[in-house]
């Protein structure tokens, strides 16, 4: 009996020994749980970084698309403006061409003041007299030259240019070679309207000197009215502007 009570007294009421299943988790389990938490955290960070990268890429793509659209629109506007300028340039060129044609047409119709028109040329009879060279210098100052007569119609017109009989230099000379008459543009003489016995180079009269320049007698009904005279003689002269070109200014001095 004593032994029974002794055993009862050895243990305290309400107390029992802990079982092995109720002990604190082992250290390996704690490490496993930490690794899982860390992996989940890293995965969350990777997902977050991926989302951020996608957002940035999407934003950049949107910005790039907008920039491309803007550039395309600007290029198209530049092309449209260039096309418009090209059309405007072509229109201006066409207008200039038409104005040039009209100017040429008017130039064919009118001569400078003090000049007379016939066919395709304008003519000017000087008021003063002088040598053949002086007459040519005056014509050149007017951007013209001494007249070249190359048709019967022109010869007839000039012969009747004025009513009074008047001598006038024409652009004909044989200075280079006696007896070989050429026009001032180098054209050999073909049509010719010399007076009878002319040209005679002074007819052998030494006092007259060399007669190397041609002149016309205006105001006569006779179309054979050319004569050769010494180039130093003082007579009038006839200037001509040919080929419908009015390059010379309106003369203020008819001498």
C-alpha atoms as a PDB file:
ATOM      1  CA  UNK A   1       0.000   0.000   0.000  1.00  0.00           C
ATOM      2  CA  UNK A   2       2.780   2.373   0.866  1.00  0.00           C
ATOM      3  CA  UNK A   3       4.290   1.854  -2.547  1.00  0.00           C
ATOM      4  CA  UNK A   4       1.122   2.809  -4.237  1.00  0.00           C
ATOM      5  CA  UNK A   5       0.865   6.088  -2.426  1.00  0.00           C
ATOM      6  CA  UNK A   6       4.517   6.695  -2.999  1.00  0.00           C
ATOM      7  CA  UNK A   7       4.053   6.512  -6.757  1.00  0.00           C
ATOM      8  CA  UNK A   8       1.123   8.852  -6.613  1.00  0.00           C
ATOM      9  CA  UNK A   9       3.045  11.424  -4.724  1.00  0.00           C
ATOM     10  CA  UNK A  10       5.881  11.476  -7.237  1.00  0.00           C
ATOM     11  CA  UNK A  11       3.727  13.144  -9.829  1.00  0.00           C
ATOM     12  CA  UNK A  12       1.940  16.496  -9.502  1.00  0.00           C
ATOM     13  CA  UNK A  13      -1.721  16.701 -10.320  1.00  0.00           C
ATOM     14  CA  UNK A  14      -2.477  18.226 -13.832  1.00  0.00           C
ATOM     15  CA  UNK A  15       1.058  17.800 -15.122  1.00  0.00           C
ATOM     16  CA  UNK A  16       2.268  15.428 -17.748  1.00  0.00           C
ATOM     17  CA  UNK A  17       5.436  15.060 -19.814  1.00  0.00           C
ATOM     18  CA  UNK A  18       5.529  16.700 -23.264  1.00  0.00           C
ATOM     19  CA  UNK A  19       5.201  14.295 -26.150  1.00  0.00           C
ATOM     20  CA  UNK A  20       7.761  14.338 -28.973  1.00  0.00           C
ATOM     21  CA  UNK A  21       5.129  15.665 -31.417  1.00  0.00           C
ATOM     22  CA  UNK A  22       4.686  18.880 -29.436  1.00  0.00           C
ATOM     23  CA  UNK A  23       8.289  20.079 -29.654  1.00  0.00           C
ATOM     24  CA  UNK A  24       9.437  23.413 -31.493  1.00  0.00           C
ATOM     25  CA  UNK A  25       9.926  23.074 -35.375  1.00  0.00           C
ATOM     26  CA  UNK A  26      13.309  22.008 -36.364  1.00  0.00           C
ATOM     27  CA  UNK A  27      15.870  24.414 -37.923  1.00  0.00           C
ATOM     28  CA  UNK A  28      15.631  22.764 -41.407  1.00  0.00           C
ATOM     29  CA  UNK A  29      11.945  23.494 -41.563  1.00  0.00           C
ATOM     30  CA  UNK A  30      12.574  27.123 -40.702  1.00  0.00           C
ATOM     31  CA  UNK A  31      15.111  27.404 -43.518  1.00  0.00           C
ATOM     32  CA  UNK A  32      12.665  25.868 -46.003  1.00  0.00           C
ATOM     33  CA  UNK A  33       9.958  28.313 -45.020  1.00  0.00           C
ATOM     34  CA  UNK A  34      12.406  31.234 -45.407  1.00  0.00           C
ATOM     35  CA  UNK A  35      13.473  30.044 -48.861  1.00  0.00           C
ATOM     36  CA  UNK A  36       9.854  29.854 -49.989  1.00  0.00           C
ATOM     37  CA  UNK A  37       9.172  33.354 -48.750  1.00  0.00           C
ATOM     38  CA  UNK A  38      12.331  34.670 -50.407  1.00  0.00           C
ATOM     39  CA  UNK A  39      11.484  32.949 -53.705  1.00  0.00           C
ATOM     40  CA  UNK A  40       8.002  34.404 -53.667  1.00  0.00           C
ATOM     41  CA  UNK A  41       9.429  37.841 -52.934  1.00  0.00           C
ATOM     42  CA  UNK A  42      11.935  37.573 -55.809  1.00  0.00           C
ATOM     43  CA  UNK A  43       9.233  36.333 -58.147  1.00  0.00           C
ATOM     44  CA  UNK A  44       7.049  39.261 -57.158  1.00  0.00           C
ATOM     45  CA  UNK A  45       9.941  41.637 -57.820  1.00  0.00           C
ATOM     46  CA  UNK A  46      10.588  40.026 -61.220  1.00  0.00           C
ATOM     47  CA  UNK A  47       6.927  40.270 -62.137  1.00  0.00           C
ATOM     48  CA  UNK A  48       6.865  43.892 -61.005  1.00  0.00           C
ATOM     49  CA  UNK A  49      10.015  44.662 -63.031  1.00  0.00           C
ATOM     50  CA  UNK A  50       8.481  42.949 -66.052  1.00  0.00           C
ATOM     51  CA  UNK A  51       5.309  44.952 -65.720  1.00  0.00           C
ATOM     52  CA  UNK A  52       7.322  48.151 -65.406  1.00  0.00           C
ATOM     53  CA  UNK A  53       9.386  47.206 -68.500  1.00  0.00           C
ATOM     54  CA  UNK A  54       6.252  46.448 -70.504  1.00  0.00           C
ATOM     55  CA  UNK A  55       4.746  49.746 -69.441  1.00  0.00           C
ATOM     56  CA  UNK A  56       7.900  51.653 -70.462  1.00  0.00           C
ATOM     57  CA  UNK A  57       8.057  49.778 -73.785  1.00  0.00           C
ATOM     58  CA  UNK A  58       4.416  50.490 -74.459  1.00  0.00           C
ATOM     59  CA  UNK A  59       4.906  54.155 -73.592  1.00  0.00           C
ATOM     60  CA  UNK A  60       7.953  54.399 -75.844  1.00  0.00           C
ATOM     61  CA  UNK A  61       6.094  52.648 -78.657  1.00  0.00           C
ATOM     62  CA  UNK A  62       3.208  55.070 -78.339  1.00  0.00           C
ATOM     63  CA  UNK A  63       5.589  58.044 -78.336  1.00  0.00           C
ATOM     64  CA  UNK A  64       7.510  56.661 -81.344  1.00  0.00           C
ATOM     65  CA  UNK A  65       4.305  56.057 -83.268  1.00  0.00           C
ATOM     66  CA  UNK A  66       3.158  59.591 -82.520  1.00  0.00           C
ATOM     67  CA  UNK A  67       6.527  61.004 -83.635  1.00  0.00           C
ATOM     68  CA  UNK A  68       6.420  58.956 -86.852  1.00  0.00           C
ATOM     69  CA  UNK A  69       2.899  60.113 -87.556  1.00  0.00           C
ATOM     70  CA  UNK A  70       3.925  63.720 -86.940  1.00  0.00           C
ATOM     71  CA  UNK A  71       6.944  63.430 -89.249  1.00  0.00           C
ATOM     72  CA  UNK A  72       4.847  61.752 -91.933  1.00  0.00           C
ATOM     73  CA  UNK A  73       2.321  64.557 -91.715  1.00  0.00           C
ATOM     74  CA  UNK A  74       5.056  67.188 -91.946  1.00  0.00           C
ATOM     75  CA  UNK A  75       6.682  65.456 -94.915  1.00  0.00           C
ATOM     76  CA  UNK A  76       3.343  65.292 -96.682  1.00  0.00           C
ATOM     77  CA  UNK A  77       2.749  68.981 -95.999  1.00  0.00           C
ATOM     78  CA  UNK A  78       6.231  69.763 -97.382  1.00  0.00           C
ATOM     79  CA  UNK A  79       5.513  67.718-100.511  1.00  0.00           C
ATOM     80  CA  UNK A  80       2.212  69.512-101.009  1.00  0.00           C
ATOM     81  CA  UNK A  81       3.901  72.895-100.593  1.00  0.00           C
ATOM     82  CA  UNK A  82       6.696  71.930-103.011  1.00  0.00           C
ATOM     83  CA  UNK A  83       4.148  70.791-105.573  1.00  0.00           C
ATOM     84  CA  UNK A  84       2.264  74.062-105.177  1.00  0.00           C
ATOM     85  CA  UNK A  85       5.475  76.083-105.602  1.00  0.00           C
ATOM     86  CA  UNK A  86       6.389  74.067-108.700  1.00  0.00           C
ATOM     87  CA  UNK A  87       2.994  74.787-110.237  1.00  0.00           C
ATOM     88  CA  UNK A  88       3.369  78.474-109.401  1.00  0.00           C
ATOM     89  CA  UNK A  89       6.860  78.543-110.960  1.00  0.00           C
ATOM     90  CA  UNK A  90       5.595  76.863-114.140  1.00  0.00           C
ATOM     91  CA  UNK A  91       2.772  79.384-114.333  1.00  0.00           C
ATOM     92  CA  UNK A  92       5.207  82.299-113.944  1.00  0.00           C
ATOM     93  CA  UNK A  93       7.464  80.859-116.654  1.00  0.00           C
ATOM     94  CA  UNK A  94       4.491  80.481-118.987  1.00  0.00           C
ATOM     95  CA  UNK A  95       3.400  84.056-118.284  1.00  0.00           C
ATOM     96  CA  UNK A  96       6.942  85.335-118.884  1.00  0.00           C
ATOM     97  CA  UNK A  97       7.075  83.466-122.187  1.00  0.00           C
ATOM     98  CA  UNK A  98       3.797  85.014-123.288  1.00  0.00           C
ATOM     99  CA  UNK A  99       4.943  88.483-122.221  1.00  0.00           C
ATOM    100  CA  UNK A 100       8.187  88.030-124.190  1.00  0.00           C
ATOM    101  CA  UNK A 101       6.212  87.033-127.271  1.00  0.00           C
ATOM    102  CA  UNK A 102       3.964  90.071-126.853  1.00  0.00           C
ATOM    103  CA  UNK A 103       6.986  92.340-126.428  1.00  0.00           C
ATOM    104  CA  UNK A 104       8.532  90.943-129.589  1.00  0.00           C
ATOM    105  CA  UNK A 105       5.246  91.483-131.410  1.00  0.00           C
ATOM    106  CA  UNK A 106       5.124  95.094-130.249  1.00  0.00           C
ATOM    107  CA  UNK A 107       8.741  95.582-131.238  1.00  0.00           C
ATOM    108  CA  UNK A 108       7.867  94.449-134.725  1.00  0.00           C
ATOM    109  CA  UNK A 109       5.195  97.122-134.904  1.00  0.00           C
ATOM    110  CA  UNK A 110       6.840 100.194-133.391  1.00  0.00           C
ATOM    111  CA  UNK A 111      10.137 101.971-133.894  1.00  0.00           C
ATOM    112  CA  UNK A 112      11.844 104.473-131.589  1.00  0.00           C
ATOM    113  CA  UNK A 113      10.832 108.113-131.940  1.00  0.00           C
ATOM    114  CA  UNK A 114      12.417 109.733-134.981  1.00  0.00           C
ATOM    115  CA  UNK A 115      12.778 106.404-136.834  1.00  0.00           C
ATOM    116  CA  UNK A 116      10.790 105.104-139.821  1.00  0.00           C
ATOM    117  CA  UNK A 117       9.626 101.517-140.099  1.00  0.00           C
ATOM    118  CA  UNK A 118       9.632  99.450-143.264  1.00  0.00           C
ATOM    119  CA  UNK A 119       9.099  95.701-143.416  1.00  0.00           C
ATOM    120  CA  UNK A 120      11.332  94.127-140.760  1.00  0.00           C
ATOM    121  CA  UNK A 121      13.509  97.117-139.901  1.00  0.00           C
ATOM    122  CA  UNK A 122      13.590 100.698-138.646  1.00  0.00           C
ATOM    123  CA  UNK A 123      15.516 103.514-140.335  1.00  0.00           C
ATOM    124  CA  UNK A 124      16.915 106.812-139.152  1.00  0.00           C
ATOM    125  CA  UNK A 125      18.123 109.663-141.394  1.00  0.00           C
ATOM    126  CA  UNK A 126      20.564 111.959-139.621  1.00  0.00           C
ATOM    127  CA  UNK A 127      20.044 115.706-139.447  1.00  0.00           C
ATOM    128  CA  UNK A 128      23.762 116.496-139.337  1.00  0.00           C
ATOM    129  CA  UNK A 129      26.439 115.715-141.880  1.00  0.00           C
ATOM    130  CA  UNK A 130      29.836 114.118-141.489  1.00  0.00           C
ATOM    131  CA  UNK A 131      32.273 111.547-142.832  1.00  0.00           C
ATOM    132  CA  UNK A 132      31.376 107.923-143.483  1.00  0.00           C
ATOM    133  CA  UNK A 133      33.165 106.889-140.273  1.00  0.00           C
ATOM    134  CA  UNK A 134      31.384 109.576-138.240  1.00  0.00           C
ATOM    135  CA  UNK A 135      28.053 108.393-139.583  1.00  0.00           C
ATOM    136  CA  UNK A 136      28.819 104.803-138.622  1.00  0.00           C
ATOM    137  CA  UNK A 137      29.939 105.832-135.138  1.00  0.00           C
ATOM    138  CA  UNK A 138      26.648 107.671-134.650  1.00  0.00           C
ATOM    139  CA  UNK A 139      24.653 104.637-135.758  1.00  0.00           C
ATOM    140  CA  UNK A 140      26.591 102.373-133.410  1.00  0.00           C
ATOM    141  CA  UNK A 141      25.967 104.801-130.545  1.00  0.00           C
ATOM    142  CA  UNK A 142      22.287 104.143-131.206  1.00  0.00           C
ATOM    143  CA  UNK A 143      23.051 100.388-131.204  1.00  0.00           C
ATOM    144  CA  UNK A 144      22.335 100.273-134.930  1.00  0.00           C
ATOM    145  CA  UNK A 145      24.593 100.492-138.009  1.00  0.00           C
ATOM    146  CA  UNK A 146      24.711 102.037-141.458  1.00  0.00           C
ATOM    147  CA  UNK A 147      21.950 100.694-143.671  1.00  0.00           C
ATOM    148  CA  UNK A 148      22.412  97.542-145.759  1.00  0.00           C
ATOM    149  CA  UNK A 149      20.146  97.485-148.842  1.00  0.00           C
ATOM    150  CA  UNK A 150      19.292  93.922-149.877  1.00  0.00           C
ATOM    151  CA  UNK A 151      16.032  94.203-151.829  1.00  0.00           C
ATOM    152  CA  UNK A 152      14.371  96.329-154.502  1.00  0.00           C
ATOM    153  CA  UNK A 153      11.560  97.152-152.058  1.00  0.00           C
ATOM    154  CA  UNK A 154      14.032  98.515-149.526  1.00  0.00           C
ATOM    155  CA  UNK A 155      15.835 100.494-152.263  1.00  0.00           C
ATOM    156  CA  UNK A 156      12.531 102.027-153.367  1.00  0.00           C
ATOM    157  CA  UNK A 157      11.517 102.902-149.808  1.00  0.00           C
ATOM    158  CA  UNK A 158      14.821 104.630-149.047  1.00  0.00           C
ATOM    159  CA  UNK A 159      14.890 106.518-152.337  1.00  0.00           C
ATOM    160  CA  UNK A 160      11.578 108.116-151.376  1.00  0.00           C
ATOM    161  CA  UNK A 161      12.427 108.574-147.687  1.00  0.00           C
ATOM    162  CA  UNK A 162      12.398 112.368-148.175  1.00  0.00           C
ATOM    163  CA  UNK A 163      11.320 114.578-151.055  1.00  0.00           C
ATOM    164  CA  UNK A 164      14.361 116.826-151.207  1.00  0.00           C
ATOM    165  CA  UNK A 165      17.373 115.527-153.087  1.00  0.00           C
ATOM    166  CA  UNK A 166      19.873 114.608-150.401  1.00  0.00           C
ATOM    167  CA  UNK A 167      23.082 112.565-150.234  1.00  0.00           C
ATOM    168  CA  UNK A 168      23.380 109.953-147.476  1.00  0.00           C
ATOM    169  CA  UNK A 169      25.999 107.366-146.555  1.00  0.00           C
ATOM    170  CA  UNK A 170      25.070 103.665-146.727  1.00  0.00           C
ATOM    171  CA  UNK A 171      26.979 100.713-145.273  1.00  0.00           C
ATOM    172  CA  UNK A 172      28.939  99.962-148.462  1.00  0.00           C
ATOM    173  CA  UNK A 173      32.715 100.255-148.966  1.00  0.00           C
ATOM    174  CA  UNK A 174      35.662  98.965-151.013  1.00  0.00           C
ATOM    175  CA  UNK A 175      38.362 100.121-148.598  1.00  0.00           C
ATOM    176  CA  UNK A 176      39.767  96.612-148.168  1.00  0.00           C
ATOM    177  CA  UNK A 177      40.203  96.011-151.893  1.00  0.00           C
ATOM    178  CA  UNK A 178      39.639  98.601-154.595  1.00  0.00           C
ATOM    179  CA  UNK A 179      36.682  97.687-156.771  1.00  0.00           C
ATOM    180  CA  UNK A 180      35.467  94.898-154.451  1.00  0.00           C
ATOM    181  CA  UNK A 181      32.440  96.372-152.725  1.00  0.00           C
ATOM    182  CA  UNK A 182      31.148  94.728-149.573  1.00  0.00           C
ATOM    183  CA  UNK A 183      28.555  95.605-146.955  1.00  0.00           C
ATOM    184  CA  UNK A 184      29.619  96.379-143.393  1.00  0.00           C
ATOM    185  CA  UNK A 185      28.488  92.919-142.227  1.00  0.00           C
ATOM    186  CA  UNK A 186      30.938  91.320-144.679  1.00  0.00           C
ATOM    187  CA  UNK A 187      28.292  90.391-147.258  1.00  0.00           C
ATOM    188  CA  UNK A 188      29.500  90.767-150.878  1.00  0.00           C
ATOM    189  CA  UNK A 189      27.528  93.203-153.007  1.00  0.00           C
ATOM    190  CA  UNK A 190      24.927  91.452-155.186  1.00  0.00           C
ATOM    191  CA  UNK A 191      21.995  93.765-155.874  1.00  0.00           C
ATOM    192  CA  UNK A 192      23.370  97.115-156.955  1.00  0.00           C
ATOM    193  CA  UNK A 193      21.835 100.404-158.023  1.00  0.00           C
ATOM    194  CA  UNK A 194      24.793 102.471-159.200  1.00  0.00           C
ATOM    195  CA  UNK A 195      24.320 105.550-161.314  1.00  0.00           C
ATOM    196  CA  UNK A 196      25.578 105.296-164.852  1.00  0.00           C
ATOM    197  CA  UNK A 197      29.387 105.214-165.009  1.00  0.00           C
ATOM    198  CA  UNK A 198      29.561 104.681-161.241  1.00  0.00           C
ATOM    199  CA  UNK A 199      31.473 103.670-159.221  1.00  0.00           C
ATOM    200  CA  UNK A 200      34.417 105.379-160.859  1.00  0.00           C
ATOM    201  CA  UNK A 201      36.789 106.026-157.925  1.00  0.00           C
ATOM    202  CA  UNK A 202      36.939 109.720-158.817  1.00  0.00           C
ATOM    203  CA  UNK A 203      37.134 109.204-162.565  1.00  0.00           C
ATOM    204  CA  UNK A 204      40.878 109.611-162.503  1.00  0.00           C
ATOM    205  CA  UNK A 205      40.758 113.052-160.924  1.00  0.00           C
ATOM    206  CA  UNK A 206      43.507 112.937-158.335  1.00  0.00           C
ATOM    207  CA  UNK A 207      42.124 116.032-156.639  1.00  0.00           C
ATOM    208  CA  UNK A 208      39.062 114.028-155.568  1.00  0.00           C
ATOM    209  CA  UNK A 209      41.117 111.307-153.894  1.00  0.00           C
ATOM    210  CA  UNK A 210      40.071 107.690-153.381  1.00  0.00           C
ATOM    211  CA  UNK A 211      36.294 107.170-153.466  1.00  0.00           C
ATOM    212  CA  UNK A 212      35.930 104.136-151.202  1.00  0.00           C
ATOM    213  CA  UNK A 213      32.521 104.716-149.574  1.00  0.00           C
ATOM    214  CA  UNK A 214      29.055 104.340-151.010  1.00  0.00           C
ATOM    215  CA  UNK A 215      26.178 106.789-150.748  1.00  0.00           C
ATOM    216  CA  UNK A 216      22.611 107.040-152.005  1.00  0.00           C
ATOM    217  CA  UNK A 217      20.871 110.062-153.542  1.00  0.00           C
ATOM    218  CA  UNK A 218      17.477 110.418-151.824  1.00  0.00           C
ATOM    219  CA  UNK A 219      14.446 112.274-153.161  1.00  0.00           C
ATOM    220  CA  UNK A 220      14.763 111.085-156.781  1.00  0.00           C
ATOM    221  CA  UNK A 221      12.541 108.907-158.939  1.00  0.00           C
ATOM    222  CA  UNK A 222      15.591 107.193-160.390  1.00  0.00           C
ATOM    223  CA  UNK A 223      16.347 103.933-158.526  1.00  0.00           C
ATOM    224  CA  UNK A 224      19.882 103.810-159.945  1.00  0.00           C
ATOM    225  CA  UNK A 225      21.046 106.439-157.508  1.00  0.00           C
ATOM    226  CA  UNK A 226      24.198 105.102-155.819  1.00  0.00           C
ATOM    227  CA  UNK A 227      27.524 106.845-156.083  1.00  0.00           C
ATOM    228  CA  UNK A 228      31.016 106.416-154.640  1.00  0.00           C
ATOM    229  CA  UNK A 229      32.587 109.321-152.765  1.00  0.00           C
ATOM    230  CA  UNK A 230      35.684 109.970-150.668  1.00  0.00           C
ATOM    231  CA  UNK A 231      34.889 108.680-147.185  1.00  0.00           C
ATOM    232  CA  UNK A 232      35.903 112.016-145.638  1.00  0.00           C
ATOM    233  CA  UNK A 233      33.128 113.980-147.399  1.00  0.00           C
ATOM    234  CA  UNK A 234      30.435 115.567-145.245  1.00  0.00           C
ATOM    235  CA  UNK A 235      27.011 114.106-146.026  1.00  0.00           C
ATOM    236  CA  UNK A 236      24.092 112.727-144.048  1.00  0.00           C
ATOM    237  CA  UNK A 237      23.785 109.011-143.207  1.00  0.00           C
ATOM    238  CA  UNK A 238      21.068 106.384-142.773  1.00  0.00           C
ATOM    239  CA  UNK A 239      21.061 104.056-139.741  1.00  0.00           C
ATOM    240  CA  UNK A 240      19.180 100.748-139.619  1.00  0.00           C
ATOM    241  CA  UNK A 241      17.956  98.489-136.810  1.00  0.00           C
ATOM    242  CA  UNK A 242      17.264  95.074-138.254  1.00  0.00           C
ATOM    243  CA  UNK A 243      15.635  91.749-137.274  1.00  0.00           C
ATOM    244  CA  UNK A 244      12.817  93.341-135.249  1.00  0.00           C
ATOM    245  CA  UNK A 245      15.185  94.086-132.377  1.00  0.00           C
ATOM    246  CA  UNK A 246      14.845  97.462-130.679  1.00  0.00           C
ATOM    247  CA  UNK A 247      18.024  97.508-128.618  1.00  0.00           C
ATOM    248  CA  UNK A 248      18.764 101.193-128.991  1.00  0.00           C
ATOM    249  CA  UNK A 249      17.316 103.797-126.612  1.00  0.00           C
ATOM    250  CA  UNK A 250      14.989 106.438-128.006  1.00  0.00           C
ATOM    251  CA  UNK A 251      17.368 108.967-129.561  1.00  0.00           C
ATOM    252  CA  UNK A 252      17.258 112.436-128.091  1.00  0.00           C
ATOM    253  CA  UNK A 253      19.732 113.898-130.595  1.00  0.00           C
ATOM    254  CA  UNK A 254      18.822 113.295-134.202  1.00  0.00           C
ATOM    255  CA  UNK A 255      22.254 114.405-135.367  1.00  0.00           C
END
